[in-house]
Amino acid sequence: MRITIFAVAVTMAFTSCIAARAAQPDDADVIKVVNEYLADMNQGAADTFVRLCSPQTIIIDDFPPHTWQGPTACMDWLTAFAAYDAKAGITPRAVTIGKPWRVSVNGENAYVVVPATYTYTKGKKKVTEANSVWTLALRKGPDGWRIAGWAWGQR
């Protein structure tokens, strides 16, 4: 009898969790913003890239000065990224991402972890930096999902 009651309770709890998850905002909306942000970044489309950033974005990346934050963080990072690559003789460049390892949407907050690859040409040599990880946090406001912060991790 106790086992039956326990089994019913577990089943009800599991069903409640599934129903609650189904009521969450669609993960696809979050991934759409991440993909749009990435496409704008790869194209150097500053106006649309910056539009997808929250007013207090925080960025952590593997080149100096390593952190950017505040209302101009996205533009400051994009400018520093272009300058760093130009100084290093890197052109053209592109970041690609794989299937997300994790997408967690909780109300107005989202967390995304994706495998990433950075490809570029340095001089005449093609370079592929695989096995990186891009982790993003997003917040939903009146204008939809915006990038609140991200960090790049490379082996």
C-alpha atoms as a PDB file:
ATOM      1  CA  MET A   1       0.000   0.000   0.000  1.00  0.00           C
ATOM      2  CA  ARG A   2       2.793   2.457   0.910  1.00  0.00           C
ATOM      3  CA  ILE A   3       4.592   1.681  -2.353  1.00  0.00           C
ATOM      4  CA  THR A   4       1.408   2.373  -4.352  1.00  0.00           C
ATOM      5  CA  ILE A   5       0.853   5.715  -2.598  1.00  0.00           C
ATOM      6  CA  PHE A   6       4.517   6.621  -3.136  1.00  0.00           C
ATOM      7  CA  ALA A   7       4.310   5.687  -6.832  1.00  0.00           C
ATOM      8  CA  VAL A   8       1.186   7.818  -7.306  1.00  0.00           C
ATOM      9  CA  ALA A   9       2.844  10.776  -5.522  1.00  0.00           C
ATOM     10  CA  VAL A  10       5.991  10.501  -7.655  1.00  0.00           C
ATOM     11  CA  THR A  11       3.910  10.249 -10.836  1.00  0.00           C
ATOM     12  CA  MET A  12       1.890  13.333  -9.873  1.00  0.00           C
ATOM     13  CA  ALA A  13       5.047  15.306  -9.043  1.00  0.00           C
ATOM     14  CA  PHE A  14       6.667  14.288 -12.335  1.00  0.00           C
ATOM     15  CA  THR A  15       3.537  15.239 -14.286  1.00  0.00           C
ATOM     16  CA  SER A  16       3.450  18.624 -12.532  1.00  0.00           C
ATOM     17  CA  CYS A  17       7.068  19.279 -13.495  1.00  0.00           C
ATOM     18  CA  ILE A  18       6.369  18.443 -17.134  1.00  0.00           C
ATOM     19  CA  ALA A  19       3.300  20.685 -17.162  1.00  0.00           C
ATOM     20  CA  ALA A  20       5.260  23.525 -15.547  1.00  0.00           C
ATOM     21  CA  ARG A  21       8.063  23.177 -18.109  1.00  0.00           C
ATOM     22  CA  ALA A  22       5.545  23.223 -20.950  1.00  0.00           C
ATOM     23  CA  ALA A  23       4.278  26.566 -19.635  1.00  0.00           C
ATOM     24  CA  GLN A  24       7.770  28.132 -19.881  1.00  0.00           C
ATOM     25  CA  PRO A  25       8.607  30.525 -22.731  1.00  0.00           C
ATOM     26  CA  ASP A  26       9.768  28.751 -25.835  1.00  0.00           C
ATOM     27  CA  ASP A  27      13.488  27.937 -25.890  1.00  0.00           C
ATOM     28  CA  ALA A  28      13.407  28.579 -29.637  1.00  0.00           C
ATOM     29  CA  ASP A  29      12.861  32.317 -29.034  1.00  0.00           C
ATOM     30  CA  VAL A  30      16.030  32.470 -26.939  1.00  0.00           C
ATOM     31  CA  ILE A  31      18.091  30.512 -29.472  1.00  0.00           C
ATOM     32  CA  LYS A  32      16.774  32.737 -32.269  1.00  0.00           C
ATOM     33  CA  VAL A  33      18.200  35.795 -30.478  1.00  0.00           C
ATOM     34  CA  VAL A  34      21.534  34.022 -29.855  1.00  0.00           C
ATOM     35  CA  ASN A  35      21.766  33.099 -33.559  1.00  0.00           C
ATOM     36  CA  GLU A  36      20.850  36.625 -34.674  1.00  0.00           C
ATOM     37  CA  TYR A  37      23.420  38.108 -32.278  1.00  0.00           C
ATOM     38  CA  LEU A  38      26.064  35.715 -33.622  1.00  0.00           C
ATOM     39  CA  ALA A  39      25.231  36.492 -37.260  1.00  0.00           C
ATOM     40  CA  ASP A  40      25.448  40.235 -36.579  1.00  0.00           C
ATOM     41  CA  MET A  41      28.741  39.738 -34.736  1.00  0.00           C
ATOM     42  CA  ASN A  42      30.228  37.727 -37.611  1.00  0.00           C
ATOM     43  CA  GLN A  43      29.138  40.351 -40.128  1.00  0.00           C
ATOM     44  CA  GLY A  44      30.330  43.247 -37.988  1.00  0.00           C
ATOM     45  CA  ALA A  45      26.773  44.631 -38.134  1.00  0.00           C
ATOM     46  CA  ALA A  46      27.234  46.956 -35.179  1.00  0.00           C
ATOM     47  CA  ASP A  47      23.773  48.572 -35.185  1.00  0.00           C
ATOM     48  CA  THR A  48      21.823  45.320 -35.016  1.00  0.00           C
ATOM     49  CA  PHE A  49      24.437  43.631 -32.823  1.00  0.00           C
ATOM     50  CA  VAL A  50      24.195  46.365 -30.188  1.00  0.00           C
ATOM     51  CA  ARG A  51      20.384  46.383 -30.391  1.00  0.00           C
ATOM     52  CA  LEU A  52      20.358  42.836 -28.997  1.00  0.00           C
ATOM     53  CA  CYS A  53      22.333  43.791 -25.878  1.00  0.00           C
ATOM     54  CA  SER A  54      20.775  44.731 -22.560  1.00  0.00           C
ATOM     55  CA  PRO A  55      21.741  48.104 -21.051  1.00  0.00           C
ATOM     56  CA  GLN A  56      24.048  46.408 -18.537  1.00  0.00           C
ATOM     57  CA  THR A  57      25.716  43.663 -20.562  1.00  0.00           C
ATOM     58  CA  ILE A  58      28.834  41.978 -19.194  1.00  0.00           C
ATOM     59  CA  ILE A  59      31.266  40.272 -21.607  1.00  0.00           C
ATOM     60  CA  ILE A  60      34.260  38.085 -20.738  1.00  0.00           C
ATOM     61  CA  ASP A  61      36.577  37.012 -23.567  1.00  0.00           C
ATOM     62  CA  ASP A  62      40.071  35.599 -24.011  1.00  0.00           C
ATOM     63  CA  PHE A  63      41.776  38.724 -25.371  1.00  0.00           C
ATOM     64  CA  PRO A  64      42.744  41.893 -23.442  1.00  0.00           C
ATOM     65  CA  PRO A  65      41.299  43.648 -21.611  1.00  0.00           C
ATOM     66  CA  HIS A  66      39.158  40.486 -21.095  1.00  0.00           C
ATOM     67  CA  THR A  67      36.084  42.237 -19.649  1.00  0.00           C
ATOM     68  CA  TRP A  68      33.598  44.778 -20.945  1.00  0.00           C
ATOM     69  CA  GLN A  69      30.526  45.931 -19.075  1.00  0.00           C
ATOM     70  CA  GLY A  70      27.839  48.561 -19.013  1.00  0.00           C
ATOM     71  CA  PRO A  71      25.673  50.242 -21.614  1.00  0.00           C
ATOM     72  CA  THR A  72      28.451  50.311 -24.251  1.00  0.00           C
ATOM     73  CA  ALA A  73      29.882  46.839 -23.528  1.00  0.00           C
ATOM     74  CA  CYS A  74      28.792  45.238 -26.800  1.00  0.00           C
ATOM     75  CA  MET A  75      30.110  48.044 -29.011  1.00  0.00           C
ATOM     76  CA  ASP A  76      33.296  48.333 -26.944  1.00  0.00           C
ATOM     77  CA  TRP A  77      33.873  44.580 -27.260  1.00  0.00           C
ATOM     78  CA  LEU A  78      33.178  44.578 -31.028  1.00  0.00           C
ATOM     79  CA  THR A  79      35.602  47.477 -31.527  1.00  0.00           C
ATOM     80  CA  ALA A  80      38.284  45.766 -29.402  1.00  0.00           C
ATOM     81  CA  PHE A  81      37.725  42.443 -31.196  1.00  0.00           C
ATOM     82  CA  ALA A  82      38.167  44.047 -34.628  1.00  0.00           C
ATOM     83  CA  ALA A  83      41.281  45.943 -33.464  1.00  0.00           C
ATOM     84  CA  TYR A  84      42.808  42.852 -31.862  1.00  0.00           C
ATOM     85  CA  ASP A  85      42.255  40.755 -34.983  1.00  0.00           C
ATOM     86  CA  ALA A  86      43.573  43.519 -37.261  1.00  0.00           C
ATOM     87  CA  LYS A  87      46.736  43.856 -35.156  1.00  0.00           C
ATOM     88  CA  ALA A  88      47.221  40.066 -35.225  1.00  0.00           C
ATOM     89  CA  GLY A  89      46.644  39.937 -39.004  1.00  0.00           C
ATOM     90  CA  ILE A  90      43.463  37.899 -38.647  1.00  0.00           C
ATOM     91  CA  THR A  91      40.946  38.043 -41.518  1.00  0.00           C
ATOM     92  CA  PRO A  92      38.318  36.948 -42.299  1.00  0.00           C
ATOM     93  CA  ARG A  93      36.878  35.517 -39.131  1.00  0.00           C
ATOM     94  CA  ALA A  94      33.757  33.646 -38.087  1.00  0.00           C
ATOM     95  CA  VAL A  95      32.336  32.032 -35.006  1.00  0.00           C
ATOM     96  CA  THR A  96      30.054  29.055 -35.468  1.00  0.00           C
ATOM     97  CA  ILE A  97      28.080  27.267 -32.810  1.00  0.00           C
ATOM     98  CA  GLY A  98      26.799  23.734 -32.501  1.00  0.00           C
ATOM     99  CA  LYS A  99      23.647  22.314 -31.019  1.00  0.00           C
ATOM    100  CA  PRO A 100      23.108  23.862 -27.578  1.00  0.00           C
ATOM    101  CA  TRP A 101      24.272  21.751 -24.665  1.00  0.00           C
ATOM    102  CA  ARG A 102      21.906  23.582 -22.381  1.00  0.00           C
ATOM    103  CA  VAL A 103      19.013  25.994 -22.748  1.00  0.00           C
ATOM    104  CA  SER A 104      17.291  26.941 -19.532  1.00  0.00           C
ATOM    105  CA  VAL A 105      14.434  29.430 -19.597  1.00  0.00           C
ATOM    106  CA  ASN A 106      12.974  30.532 -16.293  1.00  0.00           C
ATOM    107  CA  GLY A 107      10.447  33.326 -16.624  1.00  0.00           C
ATOM    108  CA  GLU A 108      12.303  36.407 -17.847  1.00  0.00           C
ATOM    109  CA  ASN A 109      15.759  34.824 -17.548  1.00  0.00           C
ATOM    110  CA  ALA A 110      17.531  32.412 -19.851  1.00  0.00           C
ATOM    111  CA  TYR A 111      20.860  30.579 -19.775  1.00  0.00           C
ATOM    112  CA  VAL A 112      22.453  29.052 -22.871  1.00  0.00           C
ATOM    113  CA  VAL A 113      25.618  26.962 -23.251  1.00  0.00           C
ATOM    114  CA  VAL A 114      26.819  26.073 -26.755  1.00  0.00           C
ATOM    115  CA  PRO A 115      29.924  24.497 -28.242  1.00  0.00           C
ATOM    116  CA  ALA A 116      31.710  27.007 -30.444  1.00  0.00           C
ATOM    117  CA  THR A 117      34.412  27.157 -33.096  1.00  0.00           C
ATOM    118  CA  TYR A 118      36.393  30.215 -34.173  1.00  0.00           C
ATOM    119  CA  THR A 119      37.866  30.092 -37.675  1.00  0.00           C
ATOM    120  CA  TYR A 120      40.047  32.671 -39.340  1.00  0.00           C
ATOM    121  CA  THR A 121      42.998  33.238 -41.616  1.00  0.00           C
ATOM    122  CA  LYS A 122      46.238  34.549 -40.150  1.00  0.00           C
ATOM    123  CA  GLY A 123      48.575  35.578 -42.907  1.00  0.00           C
ATOM    124  CA  LYS A 124      48.015  32.784 -45.405  1.00  0.00           C
ATOM    125  CA  LYS A 125      47.324  30.095 -42.822  1.00  0.00           C
ATOM    126  CA  LYS A 126      43.783  28.924 -42.075  1.00  0.00           C
ATOM    127  CA  VAL A 127      43.234  28.412 -38.356  1.00  0.00           C
ATOM    128  CA  THR A 128      40.438  26.604 -36.553  1.00  0.00           C
ATOM    129  CA  GLU A 129      40.047  26.988 -32.813  1.00  0.00           C
ATOM    130  CA  ALA A 130      37.586  24.214 -31.970  1.00  0.00           C
ATOM    131  CA  ASN A 131      36.295  22.948 -28.635  1.00  0.00           C
ATOM    132  CA  SER A 132      35.408  26.351 -27.236  1.00  0.00           C
ATOM    133  CA  VAL A 133      32.363  27.057 -25.113  1.00  0.00           C
ATOM    134  CA  TRP A 134      30.115  30.105 -25.335  1.00  0.00           C
ATOM    135  CA  THR A 135      27.885  30.704 -22.326  1.00  0.00           C
ATOM    136  CA  LEU A 136      25.203  33.378 -22.473  1.00  0.00           C
ATOM    137  CA  ALA A 137      22.642  34.848 -20.103  1.00  0.00           C
ATOM    138  CA  LEU A 138      19.598  36.615 -21.525  1.00  0.00           C
ATOM    139  CA  ARG A 139      16.815  38.706 -20.014  1.00  0.00           C
ATOM    140  CA  LYS A 140      13.377  39.292 -21.454  1.00  0.00           C
ATOM    141  CA  GLY A 141      12.102  42.850 -21.378  1.00  0.00           C
ATOM    142  CA  PRO A 142       9.583  44.962 -23.250  1.00  0.00           C
ATOM    143  CA  ASP A 143      11.628  44.610 -26.462  1.00  0.00           C
ATOM    144  CA  GLY A 144      12.008  40.838 -26.144  1.00  0.00           C
ATOM    145  CA  TRP A 145      15.070  38.765 -25.274  1.00  0.00           C
ATOM    146  CA  ARG A 146      18.358  40.642 -24.923  1.00  0.00           C
ATOM    147  CA  ILE A 147      21.894  39.491 -24.141  1.00  0.00           C
ATOM    148  CA  ALA A 148      22.647  40.291 -20.492  1.00  0.00           C
ATOM    149  CA  GLY A 149      26.087  38.726 -20.522  1.00  0.00           C
ATOM    150  CA  TRP A 150      28.316  36.145 -22.082  1.00  0.00           C
ATOM    151  CA  ALA A 151      31.647  34.446 -21.598  1.00  0.00           C
ATOM    152  CA  TRP A 152      33.912  32.699 -24.066  1.00  0.00           C
ATOM    153  CA  GLY A 153      35.935  29.727 -22.895  1.00  0.00           C
ATOM    154  CA  GLN A 154      38.691  28.209 -25.001  1.00  0.00           C
ATOM    155  CA  ARG A 155      40.933  25.230 -24.324  1.00  0.00           C
END
